[in-house]
Structure formats: structure tokens, C-alpha cells
Amino acid sequence: MPGATDNHHQPVALIGAGGHAKVVADAVLASGGKVAGFYDDAEDPAAAVVVPGATHLGPVVSAPAETRPLIIALGSLDLRRASIEACAKCAFASAVHPQAIVSPGASIDPGALLAVRAVINPGTRIGPHAIINTGAIVEHDCAIGENTHIGPGAILSGGVTVGSDTLIGSGAIALPGVTIGSNCVIGAGAVVTNDLSDGSRAVGVPAKTY
């Protein structure tokens, strides 16, 4: 996985300690890594359910001073983008659950999450800080942009391109060769049959913009 930090060698610090952080922490621990603690504005992190005794390292705004590898574990794409920009000089690790299936011919950039049972096929590139959530399938030769979230159970057929800061909802499907722009929202269960420009909002079968 070119560019990804090996979580087995150093503990990672997570930005965020809510529900999504539980998924990230679970992937790190399941792969044999360690979580040093959490940056979160709440002092009683919910993610302590996954990491008993998790250390509260400070509020989110203090994360840019962290010297250990970071993973952004916030669910909101807007909040994630703010942390990406604030932590531009930080080192980032990726979290790849051991039950994710990742082709050796795929490329995973730093900061990405590949959750349990995600499938990443050959020729695909997963951009920095992207989320490939539980059971999502990213077929061959896809390109997933920075800070994009492929929701649980979503399916991207071969040759699909997705821009940055885009949300592909749970169970959505993109047909082969489709391009979905940046800053898009694709509703849960939608079927994308045609290219969508930046900023599109689309729902339905076939997906229509609104």
C-alpha cells in the first residue's frame, strides 16, 4: 500500500472519539496496531468502548502539534476537511481492517480507512483520508478522491472515478465508467448511471439530481 504508514510499528493518535472513531480504532487494533489516544472536544470519549482506558489527548484544535501518526476519525466530511488543512504538516497512517480484501495491485494513500469486509480490486487508487466503509466494494481501476466516503455496502463498478469530499450513501451503486465529481452527495440506495458534475446531489433509481 504505497504511502501508507505501517500501524504495527508505532501507535497512532485519532482525531475524533465518536462513533466513527470506534470503527477506525477497531480496524487499527484488529490489524495489530495500537491507539495512543484521541483528540476530541469531549473529555469522555465514546471510543473508549473499543479502547478501554483510552487517553484523552486534548481538544481537536491541539492535534496539529502531534508528532505520532494521525488518523482522522471524524464522521463529518466538513470536519474532516478542516482537520486535513489544519494538520497539513502532520504524518498520517491508514487503518486497514484485516478482514478487508485489498488487491496487491491497488494503491492506498495515507489517512484512509478500509473497514471490515471492504473490497478493493486491482488498479484502484484510494486517495488520502478516504473512507471505504463496511462491506463496500470498489471494483478494478477506480479512483477515489481525497476525503471521500464510500458508505457501507456501496458498490463502485469498474473504472468509476469519484472526486474529493464526496459522500456515496449506503448501498448506492455506480455503473461502470461513471465519473462523480467533487463535493457531491449520492443518496442511499441510488444507482448512478451517468456522469455527475461537481456539487451534484442525486437520489433514486436511476439517480437524478435535485
N, C-alpha and C. Protein backbone atom coordinates (compact mmCIF):
# COMPACT_ATOMS: atom_id res chain seq x y z
N MET A 1 0.85 -1.19 0.00
CA MET A 1 0.00 0.00 0.00
C MET A 1 0.89 1.24 0.00
N PRO A 2 1.28 1.72 -1.15
CA PRO A 2 2.22 2.83 -1.25
C PRO A 2 1.77 4.04 -0.45
N GLY A 3 2.72 4.59 0.31
CA GLY A 3 2.45 5.83 1.04
C GLY A 3 1.78 5.66 2.37
N ALA A 4 1.28 4.46 2.69
CA ALA A 4 0.57 4.27 3.95
C ALA A 4 1.56 3.96 5.05
N THR A 5 1.35 4.57 6.22
CA THR A 5 2.18 4.29 7.38
C THR A 5 1.79 2.94 7.96
N ASP A 6 2.76 2.13 8.36
CA ASP A 6 2.50 0.82 8.94
C ASP A 6 2.10 0.98 10.39
N ASN A 7 0.85 0.68 10.70
CA ASN A 7 0.35 0.86 12.06
C ASN A 7 0.99 -0.08 13.06
N HIS A 8 1.64 -1.13 12.61
CA HIS A 8 2.23 -2.08 13.53
C HIS A 8 3.47 -1.51 14.21
N HIS A 9 4.10 -0.50 13.62
CA HIS A 9 5.37 -0.02 14.13
C HIS A 9 5.24 1.09 15.15
N GLN A 10 4.25 1.92 15.06
CA GLN A 10 4.09 2.99 16.02
C GLN A 10 2.62 3.17 16.37
N PRO A 11 2.35 3.52 17.63
CA PRO A 11 0.95 3.83 17.98
C PRO A 11 0.46 5.04 17.19
N VAL A 12 -0.84 5.06 16.91
CA VAL A 12 -1.43 6.18 16.19
C VAL A 12 -2.34 6.96 17.13
N ALA A 13 -2.51 8.24 16.83
CA ALA A 13 -3.46 9.08 17.55
C ALA A 13 -4.63 9.37 16.62
N LEU A 14 -5.83 9.34 17.16
CA LEU A 14 -7.02 9.58 16.36
C LEU A 14 -7.58 10.97 16.63
N ILE A 15 -8.03 11.62 15.57
CA ILE A 15 -8.75 12.89 15.71
C ILE A 15 -10.23 12.55 15.68
N GLY A 16 -10.87 12.70 16.82
CA GLY A 16 -12.26 12.33 16.96
C GLY A 16 -12.39 11.09 17.83
N ALA A 17 -13.46 11.03 18.61
CA ALA A 17 -13.66 9.90 19.52
C ALA A 17 -15.12 9.51 19.60
N GLY A 18 -15.87 9.73 18.51
CA GLY A 18 -17.27 9.35 18.48
C GLY A 18 -17.48 8.00 17.82
N GLY A 19 -18.65 7.82 17.20
CA GLY A 19 -19.00 6.54 16.62
C GLY A 19 -18.05 6.10 15.52
N HIS A 20 -17.69 7.02 14.60
CA HIS A 20 -16.79 6.63 13.52
C HIS A 20 -15.42 6.25 14.06
N ALA A 21 -14.99 6.92 15.14
CA ALA A 21 -13.70 6.60 15.75
C ALA A 21 -13.67 5.17 16.28
N LYS A 22 -14.83 4.66 16.71
CA LYS A 22 -14.89 3.26 17.16
C LYS A 22 -14.52 2.32 16.01
N VAL A 23 -15.01 2.63 14.81
CA VAL A 23 -14.73 1.80 13.64
C VAL A 23 -13.24 1.88 13.28
N VAL A 24 -12.70 3.09 13.31
CA VAL A 24 -11.28 3.28 12.99
C VAL A 24 -10.41 2.55 14.02
N ALA A 25 -10.72 2.75 15.31
CA ALA A 25 -9.93 2.10 16.36
C ALA A 25 -10.01 0.59 16.25
N ASP A 26 -11.18 0.07 15.93
CA ASP A 26 -11.34 -1.37 15.79
C ASP A 26 -10.46 -1.90 14.66
N ALA A 27 -10.40 -1.17 13.54
CA ALA A 27 -9.56 -1.60 12.42
C ALA A 27 -8.08 -1.58 12.80
N VAL A 28 -7.67 -0.53 13.50
CA VAL A 28 -6.26 -0.43 13.93
C VAL A 28 -5.91 -1.59 14.85
N LEU A 29 -6.73 -1.83 15.85
CA LEU A 29 -6.44 -2.88 16.83
C LEU A 29 -6.49 -4.27 16.20
N ALA A 30 -7.48 -4.50 15.33
CA ALA A 30 -7.61 -5.81 14.69
C ALA A 30 -6.42 -6.13 13.81
N SER A 31 -5.77 -5.09 13.27
CA SER A 31 -4.61 -5.29 12.41
C SER A 31 -3.31 -5.39 13.20
N GLY A 32 -3.41 -5.36 14.53
CA GLY A 32 -2.23 -5.48 15.37
C GLY A 32 -1.60 -4.17 15.76
N GLY A 33 -2.25 -3.06 15.41
CA GLY A 33 -1.72 -1.75 15.77
C GLY A 33 -2.15 -1.31 17.16
N LYS A 34 -1.73 -0.12 17.53
CA LYS A 34 -2.04 0.44 18.84
C LYS A 34 -2.58 1.85 18.68
N VAL A 35 -3.53 2.21 19.54
CA VAL A 35 -4.08 3.57 19.56
C VAL A 35 -3.53 4.28 20.79
N ALA A 36 -2.77 5.36 20.55
CA ALA A 36 -2.18 6.11 21.66
C ALA A 36 -3.22 6.90 22.42
N GLY A 37 -4.26 7.36 21.71
CA GLY A 37 -5.30 8.17 22.35
C GLY A 37 -6.09 8.93 21.31
N PHE A 38 -6.94 9.83 21.81
CA PHE A 38 -7.89 10.54 20.96
C PHE A 38 -7.83 12.04 21.21
N TYR A 39 -7.89 12.81 20.15
CA TYR A 39 -8.16 14.24 20.25
C TYR A 39 -9.66 14.44 20.03
N ASP A 40 -10.31 15.01 21.02
CA ASP A 40 -11.74 15.22 20.91
C ASP A 40 -12.14 16.34 21.86
N ASP A 41 -13.17 17.07 21.48
CA ASP A 41 -13.62 18.17 22.34
C ASP A 41 -14.37 17.67 23.57
N ALA A 42 -14.81 16.41 23.56
CA ALA A 42 -15.40 15.79 24.74
C ALA A 42 -14.31 15.07 25.53
N GLU A 43 -14.32 15.19 26.84
CA GLU A 43 -13.27 14.59 27.65
C GLU A 43 -13.54 13.12 27.98
N ASP A 44 -14.75 12.63 27.67
CA ASP A 44 -15.09 11.24 27.95
C ASP A 44 -15.37 10.56 26.61
N PRO A 45 -14.33 10.13 25.91
CA PRO A 45 -14.51 9.68 24.54
C PRO A 45 -15.34 8.41 24.42
N ALA A 46 -16.31 8.43 23.51
CA ALA A 46 -17.14 7.26 23.25
C ALA A 46 -16.29 6.09 22.76
N ALA A 47 -15.19 6.39 22.09
CA ALA A 47 -14.35 5.33 21.53
C ALA A 47 -13.65 4.52 22.60
N ALA A 48 -13.71 4.95 23.85
CA ALA A 48 -13.12 4.16 24.93
C ALA A 48 -13.80 2.81 25.05
N VAL A 49 -14.99 2.65 24.46
CA VAL A 49 -15.65 1.35 24.42
C VAL A 49 -14.79 0.34 23.66
N VAL A 50 -14.12 0.80 22.62
CA VAL A 50 -13.26 -0.05 21.82
C VAL A 50 -11.86 -0.12 22.40
N VAL A 51 -11.38 0.98 22.95
CA VAL A 51 -10.04 1.05 23.53
C VAL A 51 -10.19 1.40 25.01
N PRO A 52 -10.36 0.41 25.88
CA PRO A 52 -10.53 0.69 27.31
C PRO A 52 -9.36 1.52 27.85
N GLY A 53 -9.71 2.53 28.62
CA GLY A 53 -8.67 3.40 29.17
C GLY A 53 -8.04 4.33 28.17
N ALA A 54 -8.73 4.57 27.06
CA ALA A 54 -8.19 5.45 26.02
C ALA A 54 -7.83 6.82 26.60
N THR A 55 -6.69 7.31 26.16
CA THR A 55 -6.20 8.60 26.66
C THR A 55 -6.83 9.75 25.90
N HIS A 56 -7.35 10.71 26.64
CA HIS A 56 -7.84 11.94 26.01
C HIS A 56 -6.65 12.87 25.86
N LEU A 57 -6.23 13.12 24.62
CA LEU A 57 -5.00 13.87 24.36
C LEU A 57 -5.21 15.37 24.29
N GLY A 58 -6.48 15.79 24.26
CA GLY A 58 -6.77 17.21 24.17
C GLY A 58 -7.86 17.48 23.16
N PRO A 59 -8.25 18.74 23.01
CA PRO A 59 -9.27 19.08 22.01
C PRO A 59 -8.74 18.93 20.60
N VAL A 60 -9.65 18.90 19.64
CA VAL A 60 -9.27 18.70 18.25
C VAL A 60 -8.27 19.75 17.78
N VAL A 61 -8.41 20.99 18.26
CA VAL A 61 -7.54 22.06 17.77
C VAL A 61 -6.07 21.85 18.15
N SER A 62 -5.82 20.97 19.12
CA SER A 62 -4.43 20.73 19.53
C SER A 62 -3.77 19.61 18.73
N ALA A 63 -4.52 18.94 17.87
CA ALA A 63 -3.99 17.81 17.12
C ALA A 63 -2.81 18.16 16.19
N PRO A 64 -2.77 19.36 15.59
CA PRO A 64 -1.64 19.65 14.69
C PRO A 64 -0.27 19.57 15.34
N ALA A 65 -0.21 19.61 16.68
CA ALA A 65 1.08 19.52 17.36
C ALA A 65 1.53 18.07 17.56
N GLU A 66 0.69 17.12 17.20
CA GLU A 66 1.00 15.70 17.41
C GLU A 66 2.17 15.26 16.54
N THR A 67 3.10 14.50 17.14
CA THR A 67 4.26 14.01 16.40
C THR A 67 4.10 12.55 15.97
N ARG A 68 3.16 11.84 16.59
CA ARG A 68 2.89 10.47 16.17
C ARG A 68 1.99 10.49 14.93
N PRO A 69 1.92 9.38 14.20
CA PRO A 69 1.00 9.33 13.06
C PRO A 69 -0.45 9.53 13.50
N LEU A 70 -1.19 10.25 12.70
CA LEU A 70 -2.59 10.54 12.98
C LEU A 70 -3.51 9.80 12.01
N ILE A 71 -4.73 9.55 12.45
CA ILE A 71 -5.81 9.15 11.55
C ILE A 71 -7.01 10.03 11.91
N ILE A 72 -7.60 10.66 10.91
CA ILE A 72 -8.78 11.49 11.16
C ILE A 72 -9.98 10.55 11.28
N ALA A 73 -10.57 10.53 12.47
CA ALA A 73 -11.65 9.58 12.78
C ALA A 73 -12.96 10.31 13.04
N LEU A 74 -13.17 11.42 12.35
CA LEU A 74 -14.42 12.17 12.41
C LEU A 74 -15.33 11.70 11.28
N GLY A 75 -16.63 11.67 11.54
CA GLY A 75 -17.56 11.21 10.52
C GLY A 75 -17.94 12.27 9.50
N SER A 76 -18.00 13.53 9.92
CA SER A 76 -18.41 14.62 9.04
C SER A 76 -17.31 14.96 8.05
N LEU A 77 -17.64 14.98 6.76
CA LEU A 77 -16.64 15.33 5.75
C LEU A 77 -16.14 16.75 5.91
N ASP A 78 -17.02 17.66 6.33
CA ASP A 78 -16.59 19.05 6.53
C ASP A 78 -15.59 19.16 7.68
N LEU A 79 -15.86 18.48 8.79
CA LEU A 79 -14.93 18.49 9.91
C LEU A 79 -13.62 17.80 9.55
N ARG A 80 -13.71 16.74 8.78
CA ARG A 80 -12.51 16.05 8.33
C ARG A 80 -11.65 16.97 7.46
N ARG A 81 -12.29 17.70 6.55
CA ARG A 81 -11.56 18.62 5.69
C ARG A 81 -10.84 19.69 6.51
N ALA A 82 -11.51 20.20 7.55
CA ALA A 82 -10.88 21.20 8.41
C ALA A 82 -9.64 20.62 9.08
N SER A 83 -9.71 19.38 9.53
CA SER A 83 -8.55 18.76 10.18
C SER A 83 -7.44 18.47 9.17
N ILE A 84 -7.79 18.09 7.95
CA ILE A 84 -6.78 17.88 6.91
C ILE A 84 -5.97 19.16 6.70
N GLU A 85 -6.68 20.27 6.61
CA GLU A 85 -5.99 21.54 6.36
C GLU A 85 -5.19 21.99 7.58
N ALA A 86 -5.75 21.79 8.78
CA ALA A 86 -5.05 22.21 10.00
C ALA A 86 -3.81 21.36 10.25
N CYS A 87 -3.84 20.11 9.83
CA CYS A 87 -2.75 19.17 10.11
C CYS A 87 -1.92 18.87 8.87
N ALA A 88 -1.80 19.85 8.00
CA ALA A 88 -1.13 19.64 6.71
C ALA A 88 0.32 19.17 6.87
N LYS A 89 0.95 19.50 7.99
CA LYS A 89 2.36 19.12 8.18
C LYS A 89 2.52 17.86 9.02
N CYS A 90 1.41 17.22 9.39
CA CYS A 90 1.46 16.03 10.22
C CYS A 90 1.68 14.77 9.38
N ALA A 91 2.13 13.71 10.04
CA ALA A 91 2.22 12.40 9.41
C ALA A 91 0.89 11.67 9.62
N PHE A 92 0.45 10.92 8.62
CA PHE A 92 -0.80 10.19 8.72
C PHE A 92 -0.59 8.71 8.46
N ALA A 93 -1.38 7.91 9.16
CA ALA A 93 -1.41 6.47 8.95
C ALA A 93 -2.73 6.08 8.32
N SER A 94 -2.79 4.90 7.74
CA SER A 94 -4.03 4.33 7.26
C SER A 94 -4.48 3.22 8.19
N ALA A 95 -5.79 2.97 8.23
CA ALA A 95 -6.33 1.87 9.02
C ALA A 95 -6.98 0.88 8.06
N VAL A 96 -6.42 -0.31 7.99
CA VAL A 96 -6.92 -1.34 7.08
C VAL A 96 -7.29 -2.56 7.92
N HIS A 97 -8.58 -2.83 8.00
CA HIS A 97 -9.03 -3.97 8.80
C HIS A 97 -8.54 -5.27 8.15
N PRO A 98 -8.09 -6.25 8.94
CA PRO A 98 -7.57 -7.49 8.34
C PRO A 98 -8.62 -8.28 7.57
N GLN A 99 -9.91 -7.99 7.80
CA GLN A 99 -10.95 -8.66 7.03
C GLN A 99 -11.37 -7.85 5.80
N ALA A 100 -10.67 -6.75 5.52
CA ALA A 100 -10.82 -6.08 4.22
C ALA A 100 -10.02 -6.88 3.20
N ILE A 101 -10.51 -6.91 1.96
CA ILE A 101 -9.81 -7.61 0.88
C ILE A 101 -9.22 -6.55 -0.04
N VAL A 102 -7.90 -6.49 -0.06
CA VAL A 102 -7.21 -5.44 -0.81
C VAL A 102 -6.25 -6.08 -1.80
N SER A 103 -6.47 -5.83 -3.09
CA SER A 103 -5.57 -6.37 -4.10
C SER A 103 -4.18 -5.77 -3.96
N PRO A 104 -3.14 -6.59 -4.18
CA PRO A 104 -1.79 -6.03 -4.20
C PRO A 104 -1.60 -5.01 -5.32
N GLY A 105 -2.52 -5.02 -6.29
CA GLY A 105 -2.45 -4.06 -7.39
C GLY A 105 -3.20 -2.78 -7.12
N ALA A 106 -3.71 -2.61 -5.89
CA ALA A 106 -4.38 -1.37 -5.52
C ALA A 106 -3.42 -0.48 -4.74
N SER A 107 -3.70 0.82 -4.74
CA SER A 107 -2.88 1.80 -4.04
C SER A 107 -3.72 2.50 -2.98
N ILE A 108 -3.23 2.51 -1.74
CA ILE A 108 -3.95 3.12 -0.63
C ILE A 108 -3.10 4.27 -0.08
N ASP A 109 -3.63 5.49 -0.16
CA ASP A 109 -2.88 6.64 0.32
C ASP A 109 -3.03 6.84 1.82
N PRO A 110 -2.11 7.59 2.44
CA PRO A 110 -2.14 7.79 3.89
C PRO A 110 -3.45 8.41 4.37
N GLY A 111 -3.88 7.96 5.55
CA GLY A 111 -5.07 8.52 6.19
C GLY A 111 -6.35 7.80 5.86
N ALA A 112 -6.31 6.83 4.94
CA ALA A 112 -7.52 6.14 4.52
C ALA A 112 -7.97 5.11 5.56
N LEU A 113 -9.26 4.83 5.57
CA LEU A 113 -9.84 3.73 6.34
C LEU A 113 -10.44 2.73 5.39
N LEU A 114 -10.05 1.47 5.52
CA LEU A 114 -10.69 0.36 4.82
C LEU A 114 -11.30 -0.51 5.90
N ALA A 115 -12.61 -0.44 6.05
CA ALA A 115 -13.30 -1.10 7.15
C ALA A 115 -13.49 -2.58 6.86
N VAL A 116 -14.03 -3.28 7.85
CA VAL A 116 -14.21 -4.72 7.75
C VAL A 116 -15.04 -5.09 6.51
N ARG A 117 -14.55 -6.09 5.76
CA ARG A 117 -15.20 -6.64 4.57
C ARG A 117 -15.28 -5.68 3.39
N ALA A 118 -14.56 -4.59 3.45
CA ALA A 118 -14.42 -3.76 2.25
C ALA A 118 -13.61 -4.55 1.23
N VAL A 119 -13.89 -4.31 -0.05
CA VAL A 119 -13.17 -4.99 -1.14
C VAL A 119 -12.59 -3.94 -2.07
N ILE A 120 -11.29 -4.01 -2.29
CA ILE A 120 -10.59 -3.07 -3.17
C ILE A 120 -9.88 -3.89 -4.23
N ASN A 121 -10.28 -3.75 -5.48
CA ASN A 121 -9.76 -4.60 -6.55
C ASN A 121 -8.62 -3.94 -7.33
N PRO A 122 -7.94 -4.69 -8.22
CA PRO A 122 -6.72 -4.22 -8.87
C PRO A 122 -6.90 -2.93 -9.65
N GLY A 123 -5.83 -2.15 -9.67
CA GLY A 123 -5.81 -0.93 -10.47
C GLY A 123 -6.52 0.24 -9.83
N THR A 124 -7.01 0.06 -8.61
CA THR A 124 -7.76 1.12 -7.92
C THR A 124 -6.84 1.93 -7.04
N ARG A 125 -7.10 3.23 -6.98
CA ARG A 125 -6.38 4.09 -6.05
C ARG A 125 -7.36 4.71 -5.07
N ILE A 126 -7.06 4.54 -3.79
CA ILE A 126 -7.85 5.14 -2.71
C ILE A 126 -7.08 6.36 -2.22
N GLY A 127 -7.68 7.53 -2.37
CA GLY A 127 -6.98 8.77 -2.06
C GLY A 127 -6.81 9.02 -0.57
N PRO A 128 -6.03 10.03 -0.22
CA PRO A 128 -5.77 10.34 1.18
C PRO A 128 -7.06 10.60 1.95
N HIS A 129 -7.14 10.02 3.15
CA HIS A 129 -8.24 10.28 4.09
C HIS A 129 -9.60 9.79 3.58
N ALA A 130 -9.61 8.96 2.56
CA ALA A 130 -10.87 8.40 2.09
C ALA A 130 -11.36 7.33 3.06
N ILE A 131 -12.67 7.15 3.09
CA ILE A 131 -13.30 6.11 3.91
C ILE A 131 -13.95 5.11 2.97
N ILE A 132 -13.54 3.86 3.06
CA ILE A 132 -14.23 2.77 2.37
C ILE A 132 -14.88 1.96 3.48
N ASN A 133 -16.16 2.18 3.69
CA ASN A 133 -16.81 1.70 4.89
C ASN A 133 -17.20 0.21 4.78
N THR A 134 -17.83 -0.27 5.82
CA THR A 134 -18.11 -1.69 5.99
C THR A 134 -18.79 -2.31 4.76
N GLY A 135 -18.17 -3.35 4.20
CA GLY A 135 -18.77 -4.10 3.12
C GLY A 135 -18.85 -3.39 1.78
N ALA A 136 -18.23 -2.22 1.64
CA ALA A 136 -18.25 -1.52 0.36
C ALA A 136 -17.34 -2.24 -0.64
N ILE A 137 -17.71 -2.19 -1.91
CA ILE A 137 -16.93 -2.82 -2.97
C ILE A 137 -16.47 -1.75 -3.95
N VAL A 138 -15.16 -1.67 -4.14
CA VAL A 138 -14.58 -0.75 -5.11
C VAL A 138 -13.89 -1.62 -6.15
N GLU A 139 -14.48 -1.71 -7.33
CA GLU A 139 -14.00 -2.63 -8.36
C GLU A 139 -12.71 -2.12 -9.01
N HIS A 140 -12.27 -2.87 -10.02
CA HIS A 140 -10.99 -2.58 -10.68
C HIS A 140 -10.95 -1.18 -11.29
N ASP A 141 -9.76 -0.59 -11.25
CA ASP A 141 -9.44 0.64 -11.98
C ASP A 141 -10.31 1.83 -11.58
N CYS A 142 -10.72 1.87 -10.34
CA CYS A 142 -11.44 3.04 -9.83
C CYS A 142 -10.45 4.04 -9.24
N ALA A 143 -10.88 5.28 -9.12
CA ALA A 143 -10.08 6.34 -8.49
C ALA A 143 -10.97 7.07 -7.50
N ILE A 144 -10.60 7.03 -6.22
CA ILE A 144 -11.39 7.63 -5.16
C ILE A 144 -10.62 8.83 -4.62
N GLY A 145 -11.25 10.00 -4.62
CA GLY A 145 -10.58 11.23 -4.25
C GLY A 145 -10.37 11.40 -2.76
N GLU A 146 -9.61 12.42 -2.43
CA GLU A 146 -9.29 12.73 -1.03
C GLU A 146 -10.55 13.02 -0.23
N ASN A 147 -10.60 12.46 0.97
CA ASN A 147 -11.67 12.75 1.93
C ASN A 147 -13.06 12.40 1.39
N THR A 148 -13.10 11.38 0.58
CA THR A 148 -14.39 10.89 0.07
C THR A 148 -14.82 9.68 0.87
N HIS A 149 -16.12 9.56 1.10
CA HIS A 149 -16.67 8.48 1.92
C HIS A 149 -17.53 7.58 1.04
N ILE A 150 -17.11 6.33 0.90
CA ILE A 150 -17.89 5.31 0.22
C ILE A 150 -18.63 4.54 1.32
N GLY A 151 -19.94 4.73 1.40
CA GLY A 151 -20.72 4.25 2.53
C GLY A 151 -20.84 2.74 2.59
N PRO A 152 -21.33 2.23 3.73
CA PRO A 152 -21.48 0.78 3.90
C PRO A 152 -22.30 0.15 2.78
N GLY A 153 -21.75 -0.94 2.24
CA GLY A 153 -22.47 -1.69 1.22
C GLY A 153 -22.56 -1.05 -0.14
N ALA A 154 -21.94 0.10 -0.35
CA ALA A 154 -21.96 0.74 -1.67
C ALA A 154 -21.11 -0.08 -2.65
N ILE A 155 -21.43 0.02 -3.93
CA ILE A 155 -20.70 -0.71 -4.97
C ILE A 155 -20.30 0.26 -6.07
N LEU A 156 -19.00 0.34 -6.31
CA LEU A 156 -18.49 1.11 -7.44
C LEU A 156 -18.00 0.11 -8.47
N SER A 157 -18.64 0.08 -9.61
CA SER A 157 -18.26 -0.86 -10.67
C SER A 157 -16.93 -0.42 -11.30
N GLY A 158 -16.41 -1.23 -12.22
CA GLY A 158 -15.09 -0.96 -12.77
C GLY A 158 -14.97 0.41 -13.42
N GLY A 159 -13.79 1.03 -13.22
CA GLY A 159 -13.48 2.27 -13.90
C GLY A 159 -14.24 3.48 -13.42
N VAL A 160 -14.78 3.45 -12.23
CA VAL A 160 -15.50 4.60 -11.68
C VAL A 160 -14.52 5.59 -11.07
N THR A 161 -14.75 6.87 -11.31
CA THR A 161 -13.94 7.94 -10.70
C THR A 161 -14.84 8.77 -9.79
N VAL A 162 -14.37 9.01 -8.58
CA VAL A 162 -15.10 9.84 -7.62
C VAL A 162 -14.16 10.94 -7.14
N GLY A 163 -14.61 12.18 -7.20
CA GLY A 163 -13.78 13.31 -6.78
C GLY A 163 -13.62 13.39 -5.27
N SER A 164 -13.08 14.49 -4.81
CA SER A 164 -12.81 14.68 -3.39
C SER A 164 -14.06 15.17 -2.64
N ASP A 165 -14.08 14.90 -1.33
CA ASP A 165 -15.13 15.42 -0.43
C ASP A 165 -16.54 15.02 -0.86
N THR A 166 -16.66 13.83 -1.42
CA THR A 166 -17.95 13.33 -1.88
C THR A 166 -18.44 12.20 -0.97
N LEU A 167 -19.74 12.16 -0.75
CA LEU A 167 -20.36 11.09 0.03
C LEU A 167 -21.17 10.20 -0.90
N ILE A 168 -20.82 8.93 -0.93
CA ILE A 168 -21.61 7.92 -1.64
C ILE A 168 -22.38 7.16 -0.57
N GLY A 169 -23.69 7.30 -0.55
CA GLY A 169 -24.51 6.77 0.53
C GLY A 169 -24.53 5.26 0.62
N SER A 170 -24.99 4.76 1.74
CA SER A 170 -25.05 3.31 1.98
C SER A 170 -25.84 2.61 0.87
N GLY A 171 -25.26 1.55 0.34
CA GLY A 171 -25.96 0.74 -0.66
C GLY A 171 -26.09 1.35 -2.03
N ALA A 172 -25.50 2.51 -2.27
CA ALA A 172 -25.55 3.12 -3.59
C ALA A 172 -24.68 2.34 -4.57
N ILE A 173 -25.00 2.47 -5.86
CA ILE A 173 -24.27 1.77 -6.91
C ILE A 173 -23.89 2.77 -7.99
N ALA A 174 -22.65 2.70 -8.45
CA ALA A 174 -22.21 3.48 -9.61
C ALA A 174 -21.87 2.50 -10.73
N LEU A 175 -22.46 2.68 -11.90
CA LEU A 175 -22.24 1.77 -13.01
C LEU A 175 -20.86 1.97 -13.63
N PRO A 176 -20.38 1.00 -14.41
CA PRO A 176 -19.02 1.06 -14.94
C PRO A 176 -18.72 2.35 -15.69
N GLY A 177 -17.53 2.90 -15.41
CA GLY A 177 -17.04 4.05 -16.14
C GLY A 177 -17.61 5.39 -15.76
N VAL A 178 -18.52 5.43 -14.79
CA VAL A 178 -19.15 6.69 -14.39
C VAL A 178 -18.14 7.58 -13.66
N THR A 179 -18.25 8.88 -13.88
CA THR A 179 -17.46 9.86 -13.13
C THR A 179 -18.39 10.68 -12.25
N ILE A 180 -18.08 10.72 -10.96
CA ILE A 180 -18.84 11.52 -9.98
C ILE A 180 -17.89 12.59 -9.47
N GLY A 181 -18.31 13.84 -9.52
CA GLY A 181 -17.43 14.95 -9.20
C GLY A 181 -17.12 15.10 -7.72
N SER A 182 -16.49 16.21 -7.39
CA SER A 182 -16.17 16.54 -6.01
C SER A 182 -17.35 17.21 -5.32
N ASN A 183 -17.37 17.11 -4.00
CA ASN A 183 -18.40 17.76 -3.18
C ASN A 183 -19.82 17.33 -3.57
N CYS A 184 -19.95 16.06 -3.93
CA CYS A 184 -21.26 15.51 -4.28
C CYS A 184 -21.84 14.72 -3.11
N VAL A 185 -23.16 14.53 -3.13
CA VAL A 185 -23.84 13.64 -2.19
C VAL A 185 -24.73 12.72 -3.01
N ILE A 186 -24.47 11.43 -2.90
CA ILE A 186 -25.28 10.42 -3.58
C ILE A 186 -26.09 9.70 -2.51
N GLY A 187 -27.41 9.75 -2.62
CA GLY A 187 -28.27 9.20 -1.59
C GLY A 187 -28.16 7.69 -1.45
N ALA A 188 -28.54 7.21 -0.27
CA ALA A 188 -28.51 5.77 0.00
C ALA A 188 -29.37 5.03 -1.01
N GLY A 189 -28.83 3.95 -1.55
CA GLY A 189 -29.56 3.11 -2.49
C GLY A 189 -29.68 3.64 -3.90
N ALA A 190 -29.11 4.80 -4.18
CA ALA A 190 -29.19 5.37 -5.53
C ALA A 190 -28.37 4.54 -6.51
N VAL A 191 -28.74 4.60 -7.78
CA VAL A 191 -27.98 3.94 -8.84
C VAL A 191 -27.55 5.02 -9.83
N VAL A 192 -26.25 5.29 -9.85
CA VAL A 192 -25.71 6.34 -10.71
C VAL A 192 -25.39 5.74 -12.08
N THR A 193 -26.08 6.21 -13.09
CA THR A 193 -25.93 5.66 -14.44
C THR A 193 -25.19 6.60 -15.38
N ASN A 194 -25.07 7.88 -15.01
CA ASN A 194 -24.42 8.88 -15.86
C ASN A 194 -23.46 9.72 -15.03
N ASP A 195 -22.55 10.41 -15.71
CA ASP A 195 -21.61 11.28 -15.02
C ASP A 195 -22.35 12.38 -14.25
N LEU A 196 -21.77 12.76 -13.10
CA LEU A 196 -22.34 13.83 -12.29
C LEU A 196 -21.26 14.89 -12.05
N SER A 197 -21.61 16.15 -12.23
CA SER A 197 -20.65 17.24 -12.08
C SER A 197 -20.42 17.58 -10.62
N ASP A 198 -19.39 18.38 -10.36
CA ASP A 198 -19.08 18.81 -9.00
C ASP A 198 -20.30 19.42 -8.33
N GLY A 199 -20.47 19.11 -7.05
CA GLY A 199 -21.54 19.70 -6.27
C GLY A 199 -22.91 19.08 -6.48
N SER A 200 -22.98 17.99 -7.23
CA SER A 200 -24.29 17.37 -7.50
C SER A 200 -24.87 16.71 -6.26
N ARG A 201 -26.20 16.72 -6.19
CA ARG A 201 -26.95 15.95 -5.19
C ARG A 201 -27.87 15.05 -5.99
N ALA A 202 -27.81 13.74 -5.74
CA ALA A 202 -28.58 12.82 -6.57
C ALA A 202 -29.16 11.69 -5.72
N VAL A 203 -30.39 11.32 -6.03
CA VAL A 203 -31.07 10.22 -5.35
C VAL A 203 -31.87 9.42 -6.37
N GLY A 204 -32.23 8.20 -6.00
CA GLY A 204 -33.18 7.43 -6.80
C GLY A 204 -32.56 6.42 -7.73
N VAL A 205 -33.44 5.68 -8.40
CA VAL A 205 -33.05 4.63 -9.34
C VAL A 205 -33.82 4.85 -10.65
N PRO A 206 -33.14 5.29 -11.72
CA PRO A 206 -31.74 5.76 -11.73
C PRO A 206 -31.61 7.08 -10.99
N ALA A 207 -30.39 7.39 -10.56
CA ALA A 207 -30.17 8.60 -9.77
C ALA A 207 -30.46 9.86 -10.59
N LYS A 208 -31.19 10.78 -9.98
CA LYS A 208 -31.49 12.07 -10.60
C LYS A 208 -31.06 13.17 -9.65
N THR A 209 -30.58 14.26 -10.22
CA THR A 209 -30.12 15.38 -9.39
C THR A 209 -31.30 16.22 -8.92
N TYR A 210 -31.10 16.94 -7.85
CA TYR A 210 -32.17 17.80 -7.30
C TYR A 210 -31.56 19.08 -6.76
